[in-house]
Amino acid sequence: MNRLMFRGGEWTALRDDLIAPAPLESAAALIVGGGRFEGGMRLIVREIIRPAPDDYIARSPIEVSLTPMFLSRVRKRARLERAGVILAHSHPVQRRLAFSSVDDAAQQLLAPVLHFRCPQGPHGFLIAGPTGFRGRLFDIKGETTFTIDRIQEIGRSVRSYPTETDAEDPAPLPEVFDRNVRAFGAAGQRILNDLTVAVVGVGGTGSVVVEELARLGVGRLHLIDPEQVERTNLNRLMGAEQKDVDRPKVAVASEASQRAKRDIEVMTLPESVIDEPVARTLLDGDFVMCCTDSHGSRAVLNQIAYQYRLPMIDVGVRIDAREGVVAAMSTRVQMLAESLACLNCHSLLDPAAVRRDLLADSRSDPYFVGHFEPQPAVISLNAATSSMAVSMFLSAVTGFPGEARHLIGRPIEGSVRPVSSRSDPTCVVCAQDNALAKGDSWPMIWRQHES
């Protein structure tokens, strides 16, 4: 699926601006970055340039044209940003959206110019109408390379828009979702049924998240974890039995999700998300639940969330104990999305640990010595924290009540409190002038292997 990603509220405002002057067509230019994955692209809108009245040559109910001066300014902006251009306009009176012969001719004319002046690309057209949108990208010859399947707005809330609103009544939902529908409505349930959610790390917290997402009706799961089940995992790994020891954790989690929802689609990768090919598979998804326990994988996911406008929720559980006596416990559930502070802003990533995790072979690092001590883990604490994360996910995607996007728990004191998330304006990950919304034009920290 190919997605066009706006920050929260941007698409709604642009669509309204384009359609409002009906019956006249209106236009705008999008400066976009790309995130490529096998089979498609994640297109990130960095800037919307709206033309002034004198930037139009002509406007009518069936045609709109912009001045060469305006298009030149747009090309210059894209070239400086090492980005692409998507030219958007409205078909405000067209009930069933389709590109016109005028659009096709403009694509043939503009394709070689845009690809020559802004070689990074991608370049394309977008039309907005009363019932939805149509979008496509084109190559240097003006031929359509692929269509845009979904528009999404990413912020504290995540909103998805299909290409065309279905005028017919949707099919009734299965009875199994009756209690869900009573909580967040039929529209909310259909959103869940249509989502692709990745769970990175399917151990103590991730296995609970997988079980709950499947029972809520999420349509597709993408499970990533390089580890196998060990006997010491059986005290907290949902769905695992003695016979699963030495099997991939993702295989066990996949089977558990399919027991919970027979028709769920599941893709499994028994590999590490710090490797670029694995991490790139996340770009073909709607949401990520980060349930990993390494600083390296968290650092990679943290950057992906902001650089590629891919919303995530990070789940953390910590128990400090000495000789069987618990000294402290803490939990954390934090959403990572544009306008919210990232893990760097809260100093939650250890640079030395990130460096160690990203090395292809930690033995080659002369500054890393010692060994890891297994940490305490209790299923009740994992399950409680995972459930808070899933509830936050529901709030973000369906409107299920819940304003908090960062929660800290102190189980010994019996408290959970929201935390105010304020981004550091100089943060290399989530600040406007750094990695934020840059896509493939900004370097990622994922691990690259020499061929």
Protein backbone atom coordinates (compact mmCIF):
# COMPACT_ATOMS: atom_id res chain seq x y z
CA MET A 1 0.00 0.00 0.00
CA ASN A 2 1.27 3.47 -0.91
CA ARG A 3 0.57 6.22 1.62
CA LEU A 4 0.69 10.02 1.61
CA MET A 5 1.47 11.19 5.14
CA PHE A 6 0.38 14.61 6.48
CA ARG A 7 0.86 15.99 9.99
CA GLY A 8 -2.28 16.11 12.11
CA GLY A 9 -5.09 18.19 10.56
CA GLU A 10 -3.15 19.19 7.43
CA TRP A 11 -5.01 17.07 4.88
CA THR A 12 -8.41 18.05 6.26
CA ALA A 13 -7.53 21.75 6.00
CA LEU A 14 -6.03 21.39 2.51
CA ARG A 15 -8.99 19.39 1.20
CA ASP A 16 -11.42 22.00 2.54
CA ASP A 17 -9.38 24.83 1.00
CA LEU A 18 -9.33 23.12 -2.38
CA ILE A 19 -13.02 22.27 -2.48
CA ALA A 20 -14.47 25.38 -0.80
CA PRO A 21 -14.35 27.73 -3.84
CA ALA A 22 -16.64 25.37 -5.82
CA PRO A 23 -17.49 25.32 -8.62
CA LEU A 24 -14.03 26.73 -9.46
CA GLU A 25 -11.05 24.40 -9.26
CA SER A 26 -8.21 25.32 -6.87
CA ALA A 27 -4.59 24.16 -6.62
CA ALA A 28 -1.66 23.73 -4.24
CA ALA A 29 1.83 22.21 -4.30
CA LEU A 30 3.15 19.62 -1.84
CA ILE A 31 6.86 19.28 -1.10
CA VAL A 32 7.31 15.59 -0.27
CA GLY A 33 10.00 13.18 0.86
CA GLY A 34 9.96 9.48 0.19
CA GLY A 35 10.45 6.37 2.26
CA ARG A 36 10.96 3.40 -0.03
CA PHE A 37 10.15 -0.19 0.80
CA GLU A 38 9.78 -3.27 -1.36
CA GLY A 39 6.78 -2.71 -3.58
CA GLY A 40 5.94 0.90 -2.76
CA MET A 41 6.58 4.20 -1.04
CA ARG A 42 5.70 6.13 2.09
CA LEU A 43 5.35 9.76 0.97
CA ILE A 44 5.90 12.39 3.67
CA VAL A 45 4.48 15.87 3.13
CA ARG A 46 7.01 18.41 4.39
CA GLU A 47 5.34 21.60 3.22
CA ILE A 48 2.16 22.79 1.54
CA ILE A 49 2.52 25.79 -0.80
CA ARG A 50 -0.77 27.52 -1.56
CA PRO A 51 -0.88 29.85 -4.58
CA ALA A 52 -1.98 33.46 -4.23
CA PRO A 53 -4.82 34.69 -6.50
CA ASP A 54 -2.32 36.17 -8.98
CA ASP A 55 -0.49 32.80 -9.22
CA TYR A 56 -3.40 31.45 -11.28
CA ILE A 57 -3.49 31.88 -15.05
CA ALA A 58 -7.02 30.54 -15.33
CA ARG A 59 -9.68 28.84 -13.20
CA SER A 60 -12.95 27.25 -14.19
CA PRO A 61 -15.18 24.36 -13.02
CA ILE A 62 -13.21 21.98 -15.29
CA GLU A 63 -9.67 23.37 -15.44
CA VAL A 64 -7.03 25.21 -13.41
CA SER A 65 -3.59 26.45 -14.50
CA LEU A 66 -0.74 28.07 -12.56
CA THR A 67 1.85 30.60 -13.65
CA PRO A 68 5.35 29.47 -14.65
CA MET A 69 6.68 31.75 -11.89
CA PHE A 70 4.74 29.86 -9.21
CA LEU A 71 5.88 26.48 -10.56
CA SER A 72 9.46 27.73 -10.67
CA ARG A 73 9.30 28.71 -6.99
CA VAL A 74 7.95 25.28 -6.13
CA ARG A 75 10.70 23.50 -8.08
CA LYS A 76 13.36 25.62 -6.39
CA ARG A 77 11.97 24.80 -2.97
CA ALA A 78 11.94 21.08 -3.74
CA ARG A 79 15.47 21.17 -5.12
CA LEU A 80 16.80 22.89 -1.98
CA GLU A 81 14.97 20.34 0.18
CA ARG A 82 16.18 17.40 -1.93
CA ALA A 83 12.53 16.46 -2.19
CA GLY A 84 9.75 15.88 -4.71
CA VAL A 85 6.65 17.76 -5.84
CA ILE A 86 3.03 16.63 -5.87
CA LEU A 87 0.72 19.10 -7.58
CA ALA A 88 -2.73 19.02 -6.02
CA HIS A 89 -5.96 20.45 -7.36
CA SER A 90 -9.68 19.99 -6.90
CA HIS A 91 -12.49 18.51 -8.94
CA PRO A 92 -15.17 20.11 -6.78
CA VAL A 93 -18.18 19.13 -8.90
CA GLN A 94 -17.05 15.65 -9.98
CA ARG A 95 -18.93 12.97 -8.05
CA ARG A 96 -16.75 10.04 -9.12
CA LEU A 97 -13.15 11.23 -9.14
CA ALA A 98 -10.90 10.54 -12.11
CA PHE A 99 -7.94 12.23 -13.76
CA SER A 100 -8.99 14.20 -16.82
CA SER A 101 -7.34 14.39 -20.25
CA VAL A 102 -6.06 17.85 -19.20
CA ASP A 103 -4.38 16.24 -16.15
CA ASP A 104 -2.80 13.60 -18.38
CA ALA A 105 -1.43 16.24 -20.76
CA ALA A 106 -0.01 18.31 -17.85
CA GLN A 107 1.70 15.20 -16.48
CA GLN A 108 3.41 14.54 -19.81
CA LEU A 109 4.54 18.18 -19.96
CA LEU A 110 5.79 18.53 -16.37
CA ALA A 111 7.39 15.10 -15.88
CA PRO A 112 10.75 15.72 -17.61
CA VAL A 113 11.09 19.21 -16.09
CA LEU A 114 10.44 18.09 -12.51
CA HIS A 115 12.69 15.04 -12.77
CA PHE A 116 15.50 17.12 -14.29
CA ARG A 117 15.26 20.02 -11.81
CA CYS A 118 14.51 17.88 -8.73
CA PRO A 119 16.07 14.46 -9.42
CA GLN A 120 15.48 13.10 -5.91
CA GLY A 121 11.70 13.01 -6.50
CA PRO A 122 9.14 11.59 -6.19
CA HIS A 123 6.74 13.64 -8.35
CA GLY A 124 3.04 13.29 -8.95
CA PHE A 125 -0.52 14.61 -9.05
CA LEU A 126 -3.30 14.62 -6.47
CA ILE A 127 -6.95 15.51 -7.03
CA ALA A 128 -9.45 16.15 -4.22
CA GLY A 129 -13.21 16.02 -4.53
CA PRO A 130 -16.36 15.81 -2.40
CA THR A 131 -16.08 12.03 -2.11
CA GLY A 132 -12.34 11.48 -1.64
CA PHE A 133 -9.10 11.77 -3.60
CA ARG A 134 -7.03 10.26 -6.37
CA GLY A 135 -3.23 10.32 -6.43
CA ARG A 136 -0.47 9.02 -8.65
CA LEU A 137 3.28 9.36 -9.20
CA PHE A 138 4.97 9.56 -12.58
CA ASP A 139 8.41 8.86 -14.04
CA ILE A 140 10.55 11.09 -16.26
CA LYS A 141 8.57 9.99 -19.33
CA GLY A 142 5.29 10.99 -17.71
CA GLU A 143 4.10 7.43 -17.21
CA THR A 144 2.26 6.62 -13.97
CA THR A 145 4.45 4.45 -11.72
CA PHE A 146 1.92 3.81 -8.94
CA THR A 147 -1.20 5.22 -7.36
CA ILE A 148 -1.62 6.59 -3.84
CA ASP A 149 -3.90 4.25 -1.89
CA ARG A 150 -4.34 6.05 1.41
CA ILE A 151 -3.88 9.47 2.98
CA GLN A 152 -3.09 9.64 6.70
CA GLU A 153 -2.75 12.44 9.25
CA ILE A 154 -0.25 11.74 12.04
CA GLY A 155 -0.08 13.46 15.42
CA ARG A 156 -1.65 12.80 18.81
CA SER A 157 -4.39 11.16 16.80
CA VAL A 158 -4.04 9.05 13.65
CA ARG A 159 -6.62 9.47 10.90
CA SER A 160 -6.85 7.53 7.64
CA TYR A 161 -8.70 8.51 4.48
CA PRO A 162 -9.48 6.03 1.68
CA THR A 163 -9.35 7.06 -1.96
CA GLU A 164 -13.14 7.26 -2.24
CA THR A 165 -15.94 7.32 0.30
CA ASP A 166 -18.22 4.32 -0.16
CA ALA A 167 -21.68 5.64 -0.95
CA GLU A 168 -23.32 2.32 -0.15
CA ASP A 169 -24.07 1.06 3.34
CA PRO A 170 -21.09 -0.99 4.60
CA ALA A 171 -21.49 -4.68 5.31
CA PRO A 172 -22.58 -5.52 8.88
CA LEU A 173 -19.82 -6.33 11.35
CA PRO A 174 -19.42 -9.85 12.77
CA GLU A 175 -21.21 -10.41 16.06
CA VAL A 176 -17.91 -11.15 17.81
CA PHE A 177 -17.19 -7.39 17.80
CA ASP A 178 -20.51 -6.40 19.41
CA ARG A 179 -18.99 -5.30 22.74
CA ASN A 180 -16.23 -3.37 20.96
CA VAL A 181 -18.79 -1.51 18.86
CA ARG A 182 -20.69 -0.55 22.02
CA ALA A 183 -17.46 1.09 23.28
CA PHE A 184 -16.07 2.90 20.21
CA GLY A 185 -18.70 2.49 17.50
CA ALA A 186 -18.96 0.65 14.20
CA ALA A 187 -16.72 3.23 12.50
CA GLY A 188 -13.99 2.62 15.09
CA GLN A 189 -14.24 -1.14 14.61
CA ARG A 190 -13.93 -0.82 10.84
CA ILE A 191 -10.82 1.30 11.33
CA LEU A 192 -9.25 -1.49 13.40
CA ASN A 193 -10.26 -4.14 10.87
CA ASP A 194 -8.42 -2.18 8.16
CA LEU A 195 -5.17 -1.46 10.04
CA THR A 196 -1.73 -3.01 9.67
CA VAL A 197 0.03 -2.91 13.05
CA ALA A 198 3.60 -4.03 13.66
CA VAL A 199 4.68 -5.41 17.03
CA VAL A 200 8.45 -5.27 17.47
CA GLY A 201 9.45 -7.62 20.27
CA VAL A 202 6.91 -10.34 21.08
CA GLY A 203 8.22 -11.33 24.50
CA GLY A 204 6.77 -10.45 27.91
CA THR A 205 4.95 -7.25 26.90
CA GLY A 206 4.73 -7.86 23.15
CA SER A 207 2.96 -11.21 23.43
CA VAL A 208 0.21 -9.56 25.49
CA VAL A 209 -0.08 -6.74 22.95
CA VAL A 210 -0.40 -9.27 20.10
CA GLU A 211 -3.18 -11.15 21.91
CA GLU A 212 -5.14 -7.97 22.63
CA LEU A 213 -4.76 -6.49 19.15
CA ALA A 214 -6.00 -9.72 17.57
CA ARG A 215 -9.05 -9.87 19.84
CA LEU A 216 -9.82 -6.22 19.12
CA GLY A 217 -10.02 -7.08 15.44
CA VAL A 218 -6.88 -5.52 13.93
CA GLY A 219 -6.77 -6.75 10.34
CA ARG A 220 -3.06 -7.38 9.83
CA LEU A 221 -0.15 -7.96 12.21
CA HIS A 222 3.54 -7.70 11.38
CA LEU A 223 5.60 -9.48 14.06
CA ILE A 224 9.36 -8.89 14.42
CA ASP A 225 11.65 -10.57 16.95
CA PRO A 226 14.96 -12.42 16.38
CA GLU A 227 14.78 -14.57 19.51
CA GLN A 228 13.63 -18.10 20.26
CA VAL A 229 11.55 -19.22 23.20
CA GLU A 230 13.58 -20.22 26.27
CA ARG A 231 12.34 -22.05 29.33
CA THR A 232 12.77 -18.93 31.42
CA ASN A 233 10.31 -17.14 29.07
CA LEU A 234 7.41 -19.43 29.92
CA ASN A 235 6.49 -17.52 33.08
CA ARG A 236 5.37 -14.50 31.03
CA LEU A 237 5.10 -15.37 27.33
CA MET A 238 1.43 -15.42 26.36
CA GLY A 239 0.52 -18.40 24.18
CA ALA A 240 3.78 -20.29 24.82
CA GLU A 241 3.95 -23.85 26.16
CA GLN A 242 6.75 -26.24 27.06
CA LYS A 243 6.71 -27.66 23.52
CA ASP A 244 7.49 -24.19 22.13
CA VAL A 245 10.96 -24.00 23.69
CA ASP A 246 13.57 -23.31 20.96
CA ARG A 247 10.89 -22.17 18.49
CA PRO A 248 10.92 -18.60 17.11
CA LYS A 249 8.92 -16.26 19.32
CA VAL A 250 7.22 -14.78 16.25
CA ALA A 251 5.89 -18.20 15.27
CA VAL A 252 4.34 -18.69 18.71
CA ALA A 253 2.86 -15.17 18.67
CA SER A 254 1.45 -15.72 15.18
CA GLU A 255 -0.32 -18.90 16.26
CA ALA A 256 -1.72 -17.17 19.34
CA SER A 257 -3.10 -14.29 17.27
CA GLN A 258 -4.75 -16.70 14.82
CA ARG A 259 -6.40 -18.59 17.65
CA ALA A 260 -7.81 -15.27 18.84
CA LYS A 261 -8.95 -14.15 15.34
CA ARG A 262 -9.01 -16.84 12.71
CA ASP A 263 -8.98 -14.54 9.66
CA ILE A 264 -6.20 -12.22 10.83
CA GLU A 265 -3.32 -11.75 8.36
CA VAL A 266 0.09 -12.20 9.97
CA MET A 267 3.58 -11.62 8.62
CA THR A 268 6.51 -12.79 10.74
CA LEU A 269 10.18 -11.83 10.64
CA PRO A 270 12.48 -13.70 13.06
CA GLU A 271 15.13 -11.02 12.60
CA SER A 272 16.35 -7.82 14.25
CA VAL A 273 14.71 -4.47 13.52
CA ILE A 274 18.09 -2.74 13.73
CA ASP A 275 18.91 -4.21 10.30
CA GLU A 276 17.84 -1.90 7.45
CA PRO A 277 15.92 -4.45 5.31
CA VAL A 278 13.85 -5.49 8.35
CA ALA A 279 13.25 -1.92 9.51
CA ARG A 280 12.11 -0.83 6.05
CA THR A 281 9.27 -3.36 6.10
CA LEU A 282 7.67 -1.21 8.83
CA LEU A 283 7.12 1.61 6.32
CA ASP A 284 4.33 -0.44 4.74
CA GLY A 285 2.18 -0.15 7.88
CA ASP A 286 -0.11 2.08 9.90
CA PHE A 287 1.18 1.81 13.47
CA VAL A 288 3.99 0.21 15.49
CA MET A 289 3.96 -1.15 19.04
CA CYS A 290 7.54 -1.04 20.33
CA CYS A 291 7.94 -3.83 22.90
CA THR A 292 11.66 -4.42 22.50
CA ASP A 293 14.07 -4.21 25.43
CA SER A 294 17.29 -3.09 23.70
CA HIS A 295 18.48 0.50 23.41
CA GLY A 296 19.64 -0.04 19.83
CA SER A 297 16.28 -1.23 18.53
CA ARG A 298 14.47 1.51 20.46
CA ALA A 299 16.78 4.12 18.94
CA VAL A 300 16.08 2.86 15.42
CA LEU A 301 12.32 2.82 16.02
CA ASN A 302 12.38 6.23 17.69
CA GLN A 303 14.00 7.77 14.60
CA ILE A 304 11.72 5.94 12.16
CA ALA A 305 8.65 7.27 13.99
CA TYR A 306 9.58 10.90 13.29
CA GLN A 307 11.65 10.65 10.12
CA TYR A 308 9.00 8.61 8.28
CA ARG A 309 5.91 9.88 10.12
CA LEU A 310 5.10 6.38 11.41
CA PRO A 311 3.22 6.53 14.75
CA MET A 312 4.41 4.24 17.53
CA ILE A 313 3.83 3.45 21.19
CA ASP A 314 6.86 2.48 23.27
CA VAL A 315 6.29 0.11 26.21
CA GLY A 316 8.72 -0.15 29.11
CA VAL A 317 8.73 -2.17 32.35
CA ARG A 318 11.51 -2.17 34.92
CA ILE A 319 11.95 -4.09 38.17
CA ASP A 320 15.05 -3.52 40.30
CA ALA A 321 15.74 -6.36 42.70
CA ARG A 322 18.66 -7.70 44.70
CA GLU A 323 18.75 -11.25 46.01
CA GLY A 324 15.03 -11.74 45.49
CA VAL A 325 13.96 -8.49 47.13
CA VAL A 326 12.32 -5.82 44.94
CA ALA A 327 13.75 -2.35 45.52
CA ALA A 328 11.85 -0.41 42.82
CA MET A 329 9.40 -0.87 39.97
CA SER A 330 8.39 1.46 37.17
CA THR A 331 6.39 1.33 33.95
CA ARG A 332 6.18 3.65 30.97
CA VAL A 333 3.85 3.92 27.97
CA GLN A 334 4.78 6.67 25.51
CA MET A 335 3.43 7.55 22.08
CA LEU A 336 6.03 8.63 19.52
CA ALA A 337 4.59 10.89 16.85
CA GLU A 338 5.00 14.37 15.45
CA SER A 339 4.20 17.10 18.02
CA LEU A 340 5.05 14.69 20.87
CA ALA A 341 8.48 14.43 22.50
CA CYS A 342 10.68 11.53 21.42
CA LEU A 343 12.77 9.17 23.54
CA ASN A 344 15.83 11.40 23.08
CA CYS A 345 13.99 14.40 24.51
CA HIS A 346 13.35 12.43 27.71
CA SER A 347 16.93 11.05 27.84
CA LEU A 348 15.64 7.47 27.75
CA LEU A 349 18.31 6.11 25.41
CA ASP A 350 21.83 5.24 26.59
CA PRO A 351 24.25 6.25 23.77
CA ALA A 352 26.80 3.63 24.80
CA ALA A 353 24.16 0.89 24.76
CA VAL A 354 22.83 2.09 21.40
CA ARG A 355 26.35 1.98 19.95
CA ARG A 356 26.90 -1.51 21.30
CA ASP A 357 23.61 -2.82 19.92
CA LEU A 358 24.18 -1.39 16.46
CA LEU A 359 27.59 -2.99 16.04
CA ALA A 360 27.52 -6.02 13.78
CA ASP A 361 29.76 -7.80 16.32
CA SER A 362 29.95 -6.32 19.82
CA ARG A 363 33.23 -8.12 20.39
CA SER A 364 34.83 -5.64 17.98
CA ASP A 365 34.05 -2.74 20.32
CA PRO A 366 37.04 -2.17 22.65
CA TYR A 367 34.93 0.09 24.87
CA PHE A 368 32.33 -2.58 25.69
CA VAL A 369 33.19 -5.03 28.44
CA GLY A 370 31.26 -7.20 30.83
CA HIS A 371 28.02 -9.14 30.44
CA PHE A 372 24.28 -8.78 30.83
CA GLU A 373 22.48 -9.80 34.01
CA PRO A 374 18.94 -11.11 33.36
CA GLN A 375 16.37 -8.72 34.80
CA PRO A 376 13.34 -9.69 36.90
CA ALA A 377 10.08 -10.05 34.96
CA VAL A 378 6.54 -10.67 36.25
CA ILE A 379 3.59 -11.33 33.96
CA SER A 380 1.09 -9.26 35.92
CA LEU A 381 3.18 -6.10 35.57
CA ASN A 382 3.85 -6.81 31.90
CA ALA A 383 0.16 -7.39 31.21
CA ALA A 384 -1.00 -4.26 33.02
CA THR A 385 1.49 -2.08 31.15
CA SER A 386 0.73 -3.68 27.79
CA SER A 387 -2.98 -3.12 28.31
CA MET A 388 -2.37 0.58 28.99
CA ALA A 389 -0.43 0.73 25.72
CA VAL A 390 -3.23 -0.92 23.75
CA SER A 391 -5.79 1.43 25.30
CA MET A 392 -3.61 4.40 24.26
CA PHE A 393 -3.46 2.94 20.74
CA LEU A 394 -7.26 2.69 20.68
CA SER A 395 -7.53 6.30 21.76
CA ALA A 396 -5.16 7.43 19.02
CA VAL A 397 -6.80 5.55 16.14
CA THR A 398 -10.51 5.26 17.06
CA GLY A 399 -11.18 8.16 19.42
CA PHE A 400 -11.70 5.83 22.40
CA PRO A 401 -11.58 8.17 25.44
CA GLY A 402 -8.09 8.89 26.72
CA GLU A 403 -6.06 12.06 26.27
CA ALA A 404 -2.74 10.91 27.75
CA ARG A 405 0.06 10.06 25.33
CA HIS A 406 2.77 9.47 27.94
CA LEU A 407 2.07 7.55 31.16
CA ILE A 408 4.44 6.71 34.02
CA GLY A 409 3.53 4.04 36.56
CA ARG A 410 4.89 3.45 40.04
CA PRO A 411 3.42 0.06 41.00
CA ILE A 412 4.73 0.06 44.58
CA GLU A 413 2.97 3.36 45.27
CA GLY A 414 -0.05 2.24 43.24
CA SER A 415 0.02 5.26 40.92
CA VAL A 416 -0.13 5.99 37.22
CA ARG A 417 0.25 9.59 36.08
CA PRO A 418 0.34 11.39 32.73
CA VAL A 419 3.52 13.19 31.72
CA SER A 420 3.63 16.37 29.69
CA SER A 421 5.57 15.75 26.47
CA ARG A 422 7.43 18.78 25.15
CA SER A 423 9.86 18.33 22.29
CA ASP A 424 13.37 19.73 22.50
CA PRO A 425 13.57 22.29 19.65
CA THR A 426 17.16 21.22 18.98
CA CYS A 427 16.54 17.45 19.07
CA VAL A 428 18.26 15.65 16.19
CA VAL A 429 15.30 13.28 15.82
CA CYS A 430 12.06 15.21 16.32
CA ALA A 431 13.02 18.86 15.69
CA GLN A 432 11.76 20.57 12.55
CA ASP A 433 15.19 21.29 11.07
CA ASN A 434 16.61 17.81 11.63
CA ALA A 435 15.31 14.28 10.90
CA LEU A 436 11.61 15.12 11.27
CA ALA A 437 9.65 14.17 8.11
CA LYS A 438 12.83 13.88 6.03
CA GLY A 439 12.31 10.29 4.83
CA ASP A 440 15.18 8.75 2.91
CA SER A 441 16.94 12.11 2.45
CA TRP A 442 18.19 12.02 6.07
CA PRO A 443 20.63 9.31 7.25
CA MET A 444 19.21 6.58 9.45
CA ILE A 445 21.08 4.84 12.26
CA TRP A 446 19.94 1.33 11.36
CA ARG A 447 22.61 -1.30 10.88
CA GLN A 448 23.88 -1.79 7.36
CA HIS A 449 25.76 -4.95 6.43
CA GLU A 450 28.54 -4.99 3.91
CA SER A 451 27.71 -7.09 0.87
